[in-house]
Amino acid sequence: MKKIFIILFTGLSLNSCSQPKEEETKTTPPPAVVLKDIFLADPTIFYNEGTYYLYGTTTGNSSLNGEGFQVYTSSDQKNWKGPVGAQGGLALKKGDAYGSQGFWAPQILKYNNQFYMMYTANENIAVATSSSPLGPFRNTSKEPLVASVKQIDPFVFIDDDGKKYLYHVRLTNGNRIFVAELNDDLLSIKPETLKECIAAELQWENTQNVSWPVAEGPTVLKKGGLYYLIYSANDFRNPEYAVGYATSTSPLGPWKKATTSPIISRNLIEENGSGHGDLFLDKDNQLQYVLHTHFSATSEAPRKAAIIEMNFVEKDQELQLQAKKESFRFLKTN
């Protein structure tokens, strides 16, 4: 953490020695501007009408921990304010929607002139709506999406033909990424379309060789006729938590894992536990990935929000997704 000191100097006139010396005016420098890390895990950034909105899982000892979802705002991705949610800093407050604990991994989208928040609570997926990105987001039914198993980490992708898909994680013999087509109300899936996408099977995806392998945090985009599924693997407490991707010619798969994965890891950014974020286009149409890292080299919590630029590079007759190392930075507020 850097402290920026602004020191003011008073101009002094050098007069002849025969003239009396004027008394120097003492100026007290203003207090140092201290920028603070933003402690959010599983972060997402939603851009709307010139403003960036940052949400995520509350982490650390915040008084808002377990109470819902905070939101921070910025006009330039550098100067963040918050939390500034409609209800004491919260965009969604416990009691206004489904869930009593485990508020994780939100996604925000604008659909039918409303703002939707897809989120996890009580290891289920729920949907809340609001007229503003700041909230309050509410779910009057206070019911989750129907599922036969526990499910987390929702991400909604709307294709060019208007079809909607819910990418999510099902807790079944590990954290596994599934997809299903959504009904138009975004409140239920079409069960006959449910398919598994990704399981953690490669060496980099399970570096500790655990019996419950983890693939999670899906986010999807379409480029050049291909669908790119970006995901994280390993337990989030593992320093080698990292980000990879797979491609498909269909939103339902099958998916081919990239041989260049992981594309974001501690080997690239020199920070432990890098992963579980979301892609977005900034106002300059630059693709960015917001993610979290561990607090330090020796402590996992509280996790810190960060950002890194992403680019497509044509190589070996394909468009490969790459992260720009020198662009990595933590998100901070004063």
Foldseek 3Di string as FASTA:
>chain_A
DDKDFDDDDDDADDDDPVDDGDDDDDDDGDDIDDWFFDQFALWEWDDDDQKIKIKWQHFDDDPCHFFAIFIWMDNPLAAIDALPAPPRRHLEGPPQAAARGDWGNWDWDADPQWIKIWTDHPLFIAIFIANDPSHVTGDVVNDGEDDPFRWGQWDWDQDPVRWIKIWTWGQDQATWIWMFTADPVNRYGDVVLIDTEDFQDDCLQEVPPDRHWYKGQWEWDDDPQKIKIKIWGDDLQFQFTFIFIWIANDPRDNTHTDPPPPQGGCVQQVFGRWDNWYWDQDPVRWIKTKRWTAPHPVGRPSIGIKMWTWDWDQDPNDTDIHTDRVRIDTHIYD
